[in-house]
Amino acid sequence: MSKLFVVPTPVGNLEDMTFRAARVLQQVDYVLAEDTRNTGKLLQHYGISTKMISHHQHNEHTALASVMEKLASGMTLALVSDAGTPGISDPGFLLVRECIRQGIEVECLPGATSFVPALVNSGLPSDRFCFEGFLPLKKGRKARMEMLASETRTMVFFESPHRLIKTLKLFAEVFGEERQASVSREISKLFEKNVRGSLRELIAHFEEGTVKGEITLVVAGSKYKD
């Protein structure tokens, strides 16, 4: 029976792969990979020989028809991103939606995603939070932040290292420089680091040196009292 498996992959440490995820990747007919080079290393590490098909944000629209043809023929496919859970700031939504429209079963396995450990590590309230992912790159960036100025829940963002300081300064401008926040980089990797403090303190910290690695930002809600 045709089926799409959405399979989370490690965000850093390869030992974070689940036994079930490895088994599914071994058993499906094809693996849809965001970057076949990265996924190839993961498959090789676990001795998985399943063939891969490139499926990323630049081709997911044009490749959708051929992927659906494979599923309609009775194949099973696994969708993976470079790291974490597909569909969370990564390709996946379009394919999952089309499968649901056409009555093809979709199963998302539980597994790695970077924002959960970043949220828990922040020490900020995690019982209620909102995930914002990446902010708009240019148009609407500040407007989006101003919409969140009164958000009372803890907020979680993804950011690239070269935009981190600029984003922290924008947060300080909109939220106030004493708003508490946390910056997590390279989660589950060898040089993982979590830095906590006010936005003013975080700006001063990261202006002292070069920022590298994958970044997750966690910012306190408007009513949080330290």
N, C-alpha and C. Protein backbone atom coordinates (compact mmCIF):
# COMPACT_ATOMS: atom_id res chain seq x y z
N MET A 1 0.85 -1.20 0.00
CA MET A 1 0.00 0.00 0.00
C MET A 1 0.88 1.25 0.00
N SER A 2 0.51 2.23 -0.82
CA SER A 2 1.29 3.46 -0.90
C SER A 2 1.21 4.21 0.42
N LYS A 3 2.31 4.87 0.76
CA LYS A 3 2.35 5.61 2.02
C LYS A 3 3.55 6.55 2.01
N LEU A 4 3.35 7.73 2.58
CA LEU A 4 4.45 8.67 2.76
C LEU A 4 4.82 8.71 4.23
N PHE A 5 6.08 8.43 4.51
CA PHE A 5 6.61 8.57 5.86
C PHE A 5 7.38 9.88 5.94
N VAL A 6 7.07 10.69 6.92
CA VAL A 6 7.85 11.91 7.20
C VAL A 6 8.79 11.55 8.33
N VAL A 7 10.10 11.56 8.04
CA VAL A 7 11.08 10.99 8.96
C VAL A 7 12.04 12.06 9.48
N PRO A 8 12.01 12.36 10.76
CA PRO A 8 12.98 13.29 11.34
C PRO A 8 14.38 12.67 11.33
N THR A 9 15.37 13.51 11.12
CA THR A 9 16.76 13.06 11.17
C THR A 9 17.53 13.92 12.17
N PRO A 10 18.66 13.45 12.66
CA PRO A 10 19.39 14.18 13.72
C PRO A 10 19.73 15.61 13.32
N VAL A 11 19.63 16.52 14.29
CA VAL A 11 20.01 17.92 14.04
C VAL A 11 21.51 18.11 14.24
N GLY A 12 22.17 17.10 14.77
CA GLY A 12 23.61 17.18 14.99
C GLY A 12 24.20 15.81 15.22
N ASN A 13 24.07 15.32 16.42
CA ASN A 13 24.64 14.03 16.80
C ASN A 13 23.90 12.90 16.11
N LEU A 14 24.60 12.08 15.34
CA LEU A 14 23.95 11.00 14.60
C LEU A 14 23.33 9.95 15.51
N GLU A 15 23.72 9.91 16.78
CA GLU A 15 23.13 8.96 17.71
C GLU A 15 21.69 9.33 18.07
N ASP A 16 21.24 10.51 17.66
CA ASP A 16 19.86 10.92 17.94
C ASP A 16 18.86 10.29 16.97
N MET A 17 19.32 9.55 16.01
CA MET A 17 18.45 8.82 15.09
C MET A 17 17.73 7.72 15.86
N THR A 18 16.42 7.56 15.62
CA THR A 18 15.69 6.50 16.31
C THR A 18 15.83 5.18 15.54
N PHE A 19 15.66 4.07 16.26
CA PHE A 19 15.70 2.75 15.61
C PHE A 19 14.61 2.66 14.55
N ARG A 20 13.44 3.20 14.87
CA ARG A 20 12.32 3.13 13.94
C ARG A 20 12.59 3.93 12.68
N ALA A 21 13.17 5.12 12.82
CA ALA A 21 13.47 5.94 11.66
C ALA A 21 14.45 5.23 10.73
N ALA A 22 15.47 4.60 11.30
CA ALA A 22 16.45 3.87 10.49
C ALA A 22 15.77 2.71 9.77
N ARG A 23 14.87 2.02 10.46
CA ARG A 23 14.18 0.87 9.84
C ARG A 23 13.31 1.34 8.68
N VAL A 24 12.57 2.44 8.86
CA VAL A 24 11.71 2.94 7.80
C VAL A 24 12.53 3.35 6.59
N LEU A 25 13.64 4.04 6.80
CA LEU A 25 14.49 4.47 5.68
C LEU A 25 15.06 3.27 4.93
N GLN A 26 15.26 2.18 5.62
CA GLN A 26 15.77 0.96 4.99
C GLN A 26 14.69 0.27 4.16
N GLN A 27 13.44 0.36 4.59
CA GLN A 27 12.37 -0.44 3.99
C GLN A 27 11.60 0.24 2.87
N VAL A 28 11.61 1.58 2.83
CA VAL A 28 10.83 2.27 1.79
C VAL A 28 11.46 2.08 0.42
N ASP A 29 10.68 2.41 -0.61
CA ASP A 29 11.19 2.28 -1.98
C ASP A 29 12.17 3.40 -2.34
N TYR A 30 11.89 4.60 -1.88
CA TYR A 30 12.77 5.73 -2.14
C TYR A 30 12.79 6.67 -0.94
N VAL A 31 13.90 7.39 -0.80
CA VAL A 31 14.01 8.45 0.20
C VAL A 31 14.04 9.78 -0.55
N LEU A 32 13.12 10.67 -0.21
CA LEU A 32 13.10 12.01 -0.77
C LEU A 32 13.97 12.88 0.12
N ALA A 33 15.08 13.38 -0.42
CA ALA A 33 16.09 14.05 0.40
C ALA A 33 16.24 15.51 0.01
N GLU A 34 16.31 16.38 1.02
CA GLU A 34 16.54 17.80 0.77
C GLU A 34 17.90 18.02 0.10
N ASP A 35 18.91 17.34 0.58
CA ASP A 35 20.24 17.37 -0.02
C ASP A 35 20.77 15.94 -0.01
N THR A 36 20.88 15.34 -1.18
CA THR A 36 21.28 13.92 -1.26
C THR A 36 22.68 13.69 -0.72
N ARG A 37 23.52 14.71 -0.72
CA ARG A 37 24.87 14.54 -0.18
C ARG A 37 24.82 14.38 1.34
N ASN A 38 24.06 15.24 1.99
CA ASN A 38 23.93 15.14 3.45
C ASN A 38 23.22 13.86 3.86
N THR A 39 22.11 13.56 3.19
CA THR A 39 21.37 12.36 3.53
C THR A 39 22.18 11.12 3.20
N GLY A 40 22.98 11.19 2.15
CA GLY A 40 23.83 10.05 1.79
C GLY A 40 24.78 9.68 2.91
N LYS A 41 25.33 10.67 3.57
CA LYS A 41 26.24 10.41 4.69
C LYS A 41 25.49 9.73 5.85
N LEU A 42 24.26 10.17 6.09
CA LEU A 42 23.46 9.57 7.15
C LEU A 42 23.12 8.12 6.82
N LEU A 43 22.69 7.89 5.59
CA LEU A 43 22.34 6.53 5.18
C LEU A 43 23.57 5.61 5.24
N GLN A 44 24.69 6.12 4.80
CA GLN A 44 25.93 5.32 4.84
C GLN A 44 26.30 4.98 6.28
N HIS A 45 26.13 5.93 7.18
CA HIS A 45 26.46 5.70 8.59
C HIS A 45 25.66 4.55 9.16
N TYR A 46 24.40 4.42 8.72
CA TYR A 46 23.53 3.37 9.24
C TYR A 46 23.42 2.16 8.31
N GLY A 47 24.25 2.13 7.28
CA GLY A 47 24.27 0.98 6.39
C GLY A 47 22.99 0.83 5.59
N ILE A 48 22.37 1.94 5.24
CA ILE A 48 21.11 1.93 4.49
C ILE A 48 21.40 2.20 3.02
N SER A 49 20.86 1.35 2.15
CA SER A 49 21.18 1.43 0.73
C SER A 49 20.01 1.92 -0.13
N THR A 50 18.96 2.41 0.47
CA THR A 50 17.78 2.87 -0.27
C THR A 50 18.15 4.01 -1.23
N LYS A 51 17.59 3.96 -2.43
CA LYS A 51 17.87 5.00 -3.42
C LYS A 51 17.22 6.32 -3.00
N MET A 52 17.86 7.42 -3.37
CA MET A 52 17.38 8.75 -3.02
C MET A 52 16.89 9.52 -4.23
N ILE A 53 15.96 10.42 -3.98
CA ILE A 53 15.47 11.37 -4.98
C ILE A 53 15.59 12.76 -4.38
N SER A 54 16.14 13.71 -5.12
CA SER A 54 16.29 15.07 -4.62
C SER A 54 14.93 15.75 -4.51
N HIS A 55 14.64 16.31 -3.34
CA HIS A 55 13.34 16.97 -3.11
C HIS A 55 13.58 18.13 -2.15
N HIS A 56 13.64 19.35 -2.68
CA HIS A 56 13.96 20.51 -1.86
C HIS A 56 13.10 21.69 -2.26
N GLN A 57 13.32 22.83 -1.58
CA GLN A 57 12.44 23.98 -1.78
C GLN A 57 12.47 24.54 -3.20
N HIS A 58 13.53 24.27 -3.95
CA HIS A 58 13.64 24.81 -5.30
C HIS A 58 13.01 23.92 -6.35
N ASN A 59 12.70 22.66 -6.00
CA ASN A 59 12.10 21.78 -7.00
C ASN A 59 10.83 21.10 -6.51
N GLU A 60 10.39 21.39 -5.28
CA GLU A 60 9.26 20.64 -4.73
C GLU A 60 7.97 20.86 -5.52
N HIS A 61 7.80 22.05 -6.12
CA HIS A 61 6.60 22.27 -6.94
C HIS A 61 6.64 21.45 -8.22
N THR A 62 7.77 21.50 -8.92
CA THR A 62 7.88 20.80 -10.20
C THR A 62 7.98 19.29 -10.01
N ALA A 63 8.51 18.85 -8.88
CA ALA A 63 8.69 17.41 -8.65
C ALA A 63 7.45 16.75 -8.06
N LEU A 64 6.48 17.56 -7.67
CA LEU A 64 5.33 17.01 -6.96
C LEU A 64 4.58 15.96 -7.78
N ALA A 65 4.38 16.24 -9.05
CA ALA A 65 3.61 15.31 -9.89
C ALA A 65 4.28 13.94 -9.98
N SER A 66 5.60 13.92 -10.20
CA SER A 66 6.29 12.64 -10.33
C SER A 66 6.32 11.88 -9.01
N VAL A 67 6.42 12.60 -7.91
CA VAL A 67 6.39 11.94 -6.59
C VAL A 67 5.02 11.32 -6.36
N MET A 68 3.97 12.06 -6.69
CA MET A 68 2.62 11.54 -6.51
C MET A 68 2.35 10.34 -7.40
N GLU A 69 2.94 10.31 -8.59
CA GLU A 69 2.80 9.15 -9.48
C GLU A 69 3.39 7.90 -8.82
N LYS A 70 4.54 8.06 -8.19
CA LYS A 70 5.16 6.92 -7.51
C LYS A 70 4.28 6.42 -6.37
N LEU A 71 3.73 7.35 -5.61
CA LEU A 71 2.85 6.96 -4.51
C LEU A 71 1.58 6.30 -5.03
N ALA A 72 1.03 6.84 -6.11
CA ALA A 72 -0.20 6.28 -6.69
C ALA A 72 0.02 4.88 -7.22
N SER A 73 1.25 4.56 -7.59
CA SER A 73 1.56 3.22 -8.12
C SER A 73 1.73 2.18 -7.03
N GLY A 74 1.67 2.63 -5.77
CA GLY A 74 1.77 1.69 -4.66
C GLY A 74 3.09 1.73 -3.93
N MET A 75 3.97 2.66 -4.27
CA MET A 75 5.26 2.74 -3.60
C MET A 75 5.15 3.38 -2.22
N THR A 76 6.13 3.12 -1.40
CA THR A 76 6.26 3.81 -0.12
C THR A 76 7.48 4.72 -0.21
N LEU A 77 7.33 5.95 0.28
CA LEU A 77 8.40 6.93 0.21
C LEU A 77 8.64 7.52 1.60
N ALA A 78 9.88 7.91 1.84
CA ALA A 78 10.22 8.60 3.09
C ALA A 78 10.75 9.98 2.74
N LEU A 79 10.22 10.99 3.39
CA LEU A 79 10.66 12.37 3.19
C LEU A 79 11.56 12.77 4.35
N VAL A 80 12.77 13.25 4.04
CA VAL A 80 13.69 13.72 5.08
C VAL A 80 14.21 15.10 4.69
N SER A 81 14.59 15.88 5.68
CA SER A 81 15.28 17.15 5.44
C SER A 81 16.73 16.97 5.87
N ASP A 82 17.52 18.01 5.73
CA ASP A 82 18.93 17.90 6.12
C ASP A 82 19.09 17.61 7.60
N ALA A 83 18.19 18.15 8.41
CA ALA A 83 18.26 17.95 9.85
C ALA A 83 16.91 18.29 10.46
N GLY A 84 16.48 17.49 11.42
CA GLY A 84 15.23 17.77 12.10
C GLY A 84 14.03 17.17 11.38
N THR A 85 12.86 17.74 11.64
CA THR A 85 11.60 17.22 11.11
C THR A 85 11.17 17.98 9.86
N PRO A 86 10.97 17.30 8.73
CA PRO A 86 10.50 17.97 7.51
C PRO A 86 9.21 18.73 7.77
N GLY A 87 9.07 19.87 7.11
CA GLY A 87 7.88 20.69 7.29
C GLY A 87 8.04 21.77 8.33
N ILE A 88 9.02 21.63 9.22
CA ILE A 88 9.29 22.65 10.23
C ILE A 88 10.41 23.54 9.69
N SER A 89 10.03 24.63 9.03
CA SER A 89 10.98 25.53 8.35
C SER A 89 11.82 24.78 7.32
N ASP A 90 11.26 23.73 6.77
CA ASP A 90 11.90 22.92 5.73
C ASP A 90 10.80 22.42 4.78
N PRO A 91 11.18 21.97 3.56
CA PRO A 91 10.17 21.44 2.64
C PRO A 91 9.39 20.29 3.26
N GLY A 92 8.15 20.16 2.84
CA GLY A 92 7.33 19.06 3.34
C GLY A 92 5.85 19.35 3.28
N PHE A 93 5.47 20.59 3.55
CA PHE A 93 4.06 20.95 3.61
C PHE A 93 3.31 20.63 2.32
N LEU A 94 3.87 21.03 1.17
CA LEU A 94 3.17 20.83 -0.11
C LEU A 94 2.90 19.36 -0.38
N LEU A 95 3.89 18.52 -0.13
CA LEU A 95 3.74 17.10 -0.40
C LEU A 95 2.73 16.46 0.55
N VAL A 96 2.83 16.78 1.82
CA VAL A 96 1.88 16.23 2.79
C VAL A 96 0.46 16.65 2.44
N ARG A 97 0.27 17.90 2.10
CA ARG A 97 -1.07 18.39 1.75
C ARG A 97 -1.62 17.66 0.54
N GLU A 98 -0.78 17.44 -0.49
CA GLU A 98 -1.25 16.77 -1.69
C GLU A 98 -1.59 15.30 -1.42
N CYS A 99 -0.80 14.67 -0.57
CA CYS A 99 -1.10 13.28 -0.21
C CYS A 99 -2.46 13.19 0.48
N ILE A 100 -2.73 14.11 1.38
CA ILE A 100 -4.01 14.12 2.08
C ILE A 100 -5.15 14.36 1.10
N ARG A 101 -4.95 15.26 0.15
CA ARG A 101 -5.98 15.55 -0.85
C ARG A 101 -6.30 14.33 -1.69
N GLN A 102 -5.27 13.53 -1.99
CA GLN A 102 -5.46 12.37 -2.85
C GLN A 102 -5.70 11.08 -2.08
N GLY A 103 -5.86 11.18 -0.78
CA GLY A 103 -6.20 10.01 0.01
C GLY A 103 -5.06 9.05 0.25
N ILE A 104 -3.83 9.53 0.15
CA ILE A 104 -2.65 8.69 0.40
C ILE A 104 -2.24 8.86 1.86
N GLU A 105 -2.00 7.76 2.52
CA GLU A 105 -1.70 7.80 3.94
C GLU A 105 -0.37 8.50 4.21
N VAL A 106 -0.36 9.31 5.24
CA VAL A 106 0.85 10.02 5.68
C VAL A 106 1.09 9.68 7.14
N GLU A 107 2.33 9.35 7.46
CA GLU A 107 2.69 9.09 8.85
C GLU A 107 3.97 9.84 9.18
N CYS A 108 3.89 10.73 10.16
CA CYS A 108 5.06 11.47 10.61
C CYS A 108 5.61 10.82 11.86
N LEU A 109 6.86 10.39 11.80
CA LEU A 109 7.50 9.77 12.95
C LEU A 109 7.92 10.84 13.95
N PRO A 110 7.86 10.54 15.24
CA PRO A 110 8.40 11.48 16.22
C PRO A 110 9.92 11.46 16.17
N GLY A 111 10.52 12.58 16.49
CA GLY A 111 11.98 12.59 16.45
C GLY A 111 12.56 13.97 16.62
N ALA A 112 13.76 14.14 16.15
CA ALA A 112 14.56 15.34 16.43
C ALA A 112 13.98 16.61 15.82
N THR A 113 14.07 17.68 16.59
CA THR A 113 13.83 19.03 16.11
C THR A 113 14.57 19.96 17.06
N SER A 114 15.17 21.01 16.54
CA SER A 114 16.07 21.81 17.37
C SER A 114 15.36 22.74 18.34
N PHE A 115 14.13 23.16 18.02
CA PHE A 115 13.54 24.19 18.86
C PHE A 115 13.09 23.68 20.23
N VAL A 116 12.81 22.38 20.36
CA VAL A 116 12.38 21.87 21.66
C VAL A 116 13.51 21.90 22.69
N PRO A 117 14.69 21.36 22.41
CA PRO A 117 15.78 21.49 23.40
C PRO A 117 16.18 22.94 23.65
N ALA A 118 16.13 23.79 22.63
CA ALA A 118 16.46 25.20 22.82
C ALA A 118 15.46 25.85 23.78
N LEU A 119 14.18 25.53 23.62
CA LEU A 119 13.15 26.09 24.49
C LEU A 119 13.34 25.62 25.93
N VAL A 120 13.55 24.33 26.12
CA VAL A 120 13.72 23.80 27.47
C VAL A 120 15.00 24.34 28.11
N ASN A 121 16.09 24.40 27.33
CA ASN A 121 17.37 24.91 27.84
C ASN A 121 17.33 26.38 28.20
N SER A 122 16.40 27.13 27.66
CA SER A 122 16.36 28.58 27.87
C SER A 122 16.03 28.95 29.31
N GLY A 123 15.32 28.09 30.01
CA GLY A 123 14.88 28.42 31.35
C GLY A 123 13.67 29.35 31.37
N LEU A 124 13.14 29.66 30.19
CA LEU A 124 11.94 30.49 30.07
C LEU A 124 10.70 29.59 30.07
N PRO A 125 9.53 30.12 30.40
CA PRO A 125 8.33 29.28 30.46
C PRO A 125 8.10 28.50 29.17
N SER A 126 7.87 27.20 29.31
CA SER A 126 7.69 26.35 28.14
C SER A 126 6.31 25.68 28.11
N ASP A 127 5.45 26.05 29.06
CA ASP A 127 4.11 25.47 29.06
C ASP A 127 3.23 26.07 27.98
N ARG A 128 3.54 27.30 27.58
CA ARG A 128 2.86 27.97 26.47
C ARG A 128 3.92 28.68 25.65
N PHE A 129 3.95 28.43 24.35
CA PHE A 129 4.93 29.10 23.51
C PHE A 129 4.42 29.18 22.08
N CYS A 130 5.02 30.06 21.28
CA CYS A 130 4.69 30.13 19.86
C CYS A 130 5.98 29.99 19.05
N PHE A 131 5.88 29.22 17.99
CA PHE A 131 7.03 28.99 17.12
C PHE A 131 6.90 29.88 15.90
N GLU A 132 7.88 30.76 15.70
CA GLU A 132 7.85 31.71 14.60
C GLU A 132 8.77 31.34 13.45
N GLY A 133 9.68 30.40 13.66
CA GLY A 133 10.59 30.00 12.60
C GLY A 133 11.48 31.16 12.17
N PHE A 134 11.74 31.26 10.88
CA PHE A 134 12.56 32.35 10.35
C PHE A 134 11.71 33.60 10.14
N LEU A 135 12.22 34.74 10.54
CA LEU A 135 11.56 36.01 10.26
C LEU A 135 11.70 36.35 8.78
N PRO A 136 10.81 37.19 8.24
CA PRO A 136 10.99 37.64 6.85
C PRO A 136 12.38 38.26 6.69
N LEU A 137 13.01 38.02 5.55
CA LEU A 137 14.37 38.52 5.36
C LEU A 137 14.43 40.04 5.25
N LYS A 138 13.49 40.63 4.55
CA LYS A 138 13.53 42.08 4.35
C LYS A 138 12.16 42.69 4.61
N LYS A 139 11.30 42.66 3.60
CA LYS A 139 9.98 43.28 3.71
C LYS A 139 9.15 42.59 4.79
N GLY A 140 8.64 43.40 5.69
CA GLY A 140 7.76 42.88 6.73
C GLY A 140 8.45 42.37 7.97
N ARG A 141 9.77 42.47 8.01
CA ARG A 141 10.54 41.94 9.15
C ARG A 141 10.20 42.71 10.45
N LYS A 142 10.35 44.03 10.39
CA LYS A 142 10.06 44.81 11.58
C LYS A 142 8.57 44.80 11.92
N ALA A 143 7.73 44.81 10.89
CA ALA A 143 6.29 44.78 11.11
C ALA A 143 5.88 43.49 11.84
N ARG A 144 6.53 42.39 11.47
CA ARG A 144 6.23 41.13 12.14
C ARG A 144 6.62 41.20 13.61
N MET A 145 7.77 41.80 13.89
CA MET A 145 8.21 41.94 15.27
C MET A 145 7.26 42.82 16.08
N GLU A 146 6.78 43.89 15.46
CA GLU A 146 5.86 44.78 16.17
C GLU A 146 4.55 44.09 16.48
N MET A 147 4.14 43.15 15.62
CA MET A 147 2.94 42.36 15.90
C MET A 147 3.13 41.46 17.11
N LEU A 148 4.38 41.05 17.35
CA LEU A 148 4.69 40.14 18.45
C LEU A 148 5.03 40.88 19.75
N ALA A 149 5.06 42.20 19.72
CA ALA A 149 5.49 42.97 20.89
C ALA A 149 4.64 42.68 22.12
N SER A 150 3.36 42.41 21.92
CA SER A 150 2.47 42.15 23.05
C SER A 150 2.23 40.66 23.29
N GLU A 151 2.95 39.79 22.56
CA GLU A 151 2.79 38.34 22.74
C GLU A 151 3.22 37.94 24.15
N THR A 152 2.35 37.27 24.88
CA THR A 152 2.66 36.89 26.26
C THR A 152 3.34 35.54 26.37
N ARG A 153 3.25 34.73 25.33
CA ARG A 153 3.90 33.41 25.36
C ARG A 153 5.38 33.53 25.00
N THR A 154 6.17 32.57 25.42
CA THR A 154 7.56 32.49 25.01
C THR A 154 7.60 32.29 23.50
N MET A 155 8.52 32.97 22.83
CA MET A 155 8.62 32.92 21.37
C MET A 155 9.91 32.23 20.94
N VAL A 156 9.81 31.43 19.89
CA VAL A 156 10.96 30.68 19.39
C VAL A 156 11.20 31.04 17.92
N PHE A 157 12.45 31.34 17.59
CA PHE A 157 12.82 31.75 16.24
C PHE A 157 14.03 30.95 15.76
N PHE A 158 14.14 30.78 14.46
CA PHE A 158 15.37 30.31 13.83
C PHE A 158 16.07 31.52 13.22
N GLU A 159 17.40 31.51 13.21
CA GLU A 159 18.14 32.60 12.59
C GLU A 159 19.49 32.11 12.08
N SER A 160 19.99 32.77 11.06
CA SER A 160 21.31 32.43 10.54
C SER A 160 22.35 33.17 11.37
N PRO A 161 23.56 32.63 11.50
CA PRO A 161 24.58 33.28 12.34
C PRO A 161 24.95 34.68 11.90
N HIS A 162 24.96 34.94 10.59
CA HIS A 162 25.39 36.27 10.15
C HIS A 162 24.32 37.34 10.36
N ARG A 163 23.08 36.93 10.69
CA ARG A 163 22.04 37.91 10.98
C ARG A 163 21.72 37.98 12.48
N LEU A 164 22.40 37.21 13.30
CA LEU A 164 22.05 37.10 14.71
C LEU A 164 22.08 38.45 15.43
N ILE A 165 23.19 39.16 15.33
CA ILE A 165 23.32 40.43 16.07
C ILE A 165 22.29 41.45 15.59
N LYS A 166 22.09 41.51 14.29
CA LYS A 166 21.09 42.43 13.75
C LYS A 166 19.70 42.10 14.28
N THR A 167 19.39 40.81 14.37
CA THR A 167 18.09 40.39 14.87
C THR A 167 17.95 40.68 16.36
N LEU A 168 19.00 40.43 17.14
CA LEU A 168 18.96 40.74 18.56
C LEU A 168 18.73 42.23 18.80
N LYS A 169 19.35 43.07 17.98
CA LYS A 169 19.17 44.52 18.12
C LYS A 169 17.74 44.93 17.75
N LEU A 170 17.17 44.24 16.76
CA LEU A 170 15.78 44.52 16.41
C LEU A 170 14.85 44.10 17.54
N PHE A 171 15.13 42.94 18.13
CA PHE A 171 14.35 42.49 19.29
C PHE A 171 14.42 43.53 20.41
N ALA A 172 15.64 44.02 20.70
CA ALA A 172 15.83 45.00 21.77
C ALA A 172 15.06 46.29 21.48
N GLU A 173 15.05 46.69 20.22
CA GLU A 173 14.33 47.90 19.82
C GLU A 173 12.83 47.75 20.02
N VAL A 174 12.29 46.58 19.66
CA VAL A 174 10.84 46.37 19.70
C VAL A 174 10.37 45.89 21.07
N PHE A 175 11.11 44.95 21.67
CA PHE A 175 10.69 44.34 22.93
C PHE A 175 11.25 45.06 24.16
N GLY A 176 12.32 45.82 23.97
CA GLY A 176 13.02 46.43 25.10
C GLY A 176 14.26 45.62 25.43
N GLU A 177 15.37 46.30 25.71
CA GLU A 177 16.65 45.63 25.85
C GLU A 177 16.76 44.77 27.12
N GLU A 178 15.82 44.92 28.06
CA GLU A 178 15.87 44.10 29.26
C GLU A 178 15.05 42.82 29.14
N ARG A 179 14.39 42.62 27.98
CA ARG A 179 13.62 41.39 27.78
C ARG A 179 14.57 40.19 27.84
N GLN A 180 14.20 39.17 28.58
CA GLN A 180 15.04 37.99 28.72
C GLN A 180 14.97 37.10 27.48
N ALA A 181 16.09 36.48 27.15
CA ALA A 181 16.15 35.65 25.95
C ALA A 181 17.28 34.62 26.09
N SER A 182 17.33 33.73 25.13
CA SER A 182 18.37 32.69 25.11
C SER A 182 18.75 32.42 23.67
N VAL A 183 20.04 32.21 23.44
CA VAL A 183 20.55 31.86 22.12
C VAL A 183 21.21 30.49 22.22
N SER A 184 20.70 29.54 21.43
CA SER A 184 21.28 28.19 21.38
C SER A 184 21.90 27.97 20.02
N ARG A 185 23.13 27.48 20.01
CA ARG A 185 23.79 27.21 18.72
C ARG A 185 24.34 25.79 18.71
N GLU A 186 24.30 25.19 17.52
CA GLU A 186 24.86 23.86 17.31
C GLU A 186 24.27 22.81 18.27
N ILE A 187 22.96 22.80 18.41
CA ILE A 187 22.29 21.89 19.33
C ILE A 187 22.63 20.44 19.01
N SER A 188 23.03 19.71 20.05
CA SER A 188 23.41 18.29 20.04
C SER A 188 24.74 18.01 19.35
N LYS A 189 25.43 19.06 18.91
CA LYS A 189 26.74 18.88 18.27
C LYS A 189 27.85 19.08 19.31
N LEU A 190 29.07 18.85 18.88
CA LEU A 190 30.22 18.87 19.78
C LEU A 190 30.38 20.22 20.48
N PHE A 191 30.13 21.32 19.76
CA PHE A 191 30.34 22.65 20.33
C PHE A 191 29.02 23.35 20.66
N GLU A 192 28.03 22.59 21.10
CA GLU A 192 26.77 23.18 21.51
C GLU A 192 26.99 24.21 22.61
N LYS A 193 26.25 25.32 22.50
CA LYS A 193 26.37 26.36 23.52
C LYS A 193 25.03 27.07 23.68
N ASN A 194 24.67 27.34 24.93
CA ASN A 194 23.46 28.09 25.24
C ASN A 194 23.85 29.34 26.04
N VAL A 195 23.46 30.50 25.55
CA VAL A 195 23.77 31.77 26.22
C VAL A 195 22.45 32.43 26.61
N ARG A 196 22.31 32.76 27.88
CA ARG A 196 21.06 33.32 28.40
C ARG A 196 21.30 34.69 29.01
N GLY A 197 20.29 35.54 29.00
CA GLY A 197 20.40 36.85 29.62
C GLY A 197 19.42 37.83 29.00
N SER A 198 19.57 39.09 29.31
CA SER A 198 18.74 40.12 28.68
C SER A 198 19.21 40.31 27.24
N LEU A 199 18.37 40.90 26.42
CA LEU A 199 18.78 41.16 25.04
C LEU A 199 20.02 42.06 25.00
N ARG A 200 20.09 43.01 25.92
CA ARG A 200 21.29 43.86 26.00
C ARG A 200 22.53 43.04 26.27
N GLU A 201 22.44 42.11 27.20
CA GLU A 201 23.60 41.26 27.53
C GLU A 201 23.96 40.34 26.38
N LEU A 202 22.98 39.81 25.69
CA LEU A 202 23.25 38.92 24.57
C LEU A 202 23.92 39.66 23.41
N ILE A 203 23.47 40.87 23.14
CA ILE A 203 24.10 41.67 22.08
C ILE A 203 25.57 41.91 22.41
N ALA A 204 25.85 42.29 23.65
CA ALA A 204 27.23 42.55 24.06
C ALA A 204 28.08 41.28 23.95
N HIS A 205 27.50 40.15 24.31
CA HIS A 205 28.24 38.89 24.27
C HIS A 205 28.61 38.51 22.84
N PHE A 206 27.66 38.57 21.94
CA PHE A 206 27.92 38.10 20.58
C PHE A 206 28.65 39.12 19.72
N GLU A 207 28.69 40.38 20.14
CA GLU A 207 29.48 41.36 19.41
C GLU A 207 30.98 41.19 19.66
N GLU A 208 31.33 40.39 20.64
CA GLU A 208 32.74 40.19 20.98
C GLU A 208 33.46 39.22 20.05
N GLY A 209 32.72 38.41 19.32
CA GLY A 209 33.40 37.42 18.47
C GLY A 209 32.54 37.00 17.30
N THR A 210 33.07 36.12 16.46
CA THR A 210 32.37 35.61 15.29
C THR A 210 31.34 34.57 15.71
N VAL A 211 30.17 34.64 15.10
CA VAL A 211 29.10 33.69 15.39
C VAL A 211 29.03 32.65 14.28
N LYS A 212 29.04 31.39 14.65
CA LYS A 212 28.96 30.31 13.68
C LYS A 212 27.91 29.29 14.12
N GLY A 213 27.45 28.48 13.16
CA GLY A 213 26.57 27.38 13.48
C GLY A 213 25.09 27.72 13.36
N GLU A 214 24.26 26.68 13.51
CA GLU A 214 22.81 26.85 13.45
C GLU A 214 22.33 27.52 14.74
N ILE A 215 21.42 28.50 14.60
CA ILE A 215 21.00 29.32 15.73
C ILE A 215 19.50 29.16 15.99
N THR A 216 19.14 28.97 17.26
CA THR A 216 17.74 29.02 17.69
C THR A 216 17.62 30.07 18.79
N LEU A 217 16.71 31.00 18.61
CA LEU A 217 16.49 32.10 19.56
C LEU A 217 15.20 31.85 20.34
N VAL A 218 15.26 32.03 21.64
CA VAL A 218 14.07 31.92 22.48
C VAL A 218 13.93 33.24 23.24
N VAL A 219 12.76 33.86 23.14
CA VAL A 219 12.54 35.18 23.74
C VAL A 219 11.33 35.12 24.66
N ALA A 220 11.47 35.69 25.85
CA ALA A 220 10.37 35.70 26.83
C ALA A 220 9.19 36.48 26.32
N GLY A 221 8.01 36.09 26.77
CA GLY A 221 6.80 36.83 26.45
C GLY A 221 6.74 38.16 27.18
N SER A 222 5.78 38.99 26.82
CA SER A 222 5.74 40.37 27.32
C SER A 222 5.45 40.46 28.81
N LYS A 223 4.84 39.44 29.40
CA LYS A 223 4.48 39.51 30.82
C LYS A 223 5.42 38.71 31.72
N TYR A 224 6.50 38.19 31.12
CA TYR A 224 7.42 37.36 31.93
C TYR A 224 8.17 38.23 32.93
N LYS A 225 8.24 37.75 34.17
CA LYS A 225 9.01 38.42 35.20
C LYS A 225 10.14 37.49 35.66
N ASP A 226 11.38 37.95 35.51
CA ASP A 226 12.53 37.13 35.85
C ASP A 226 12.61 36.91 37.37
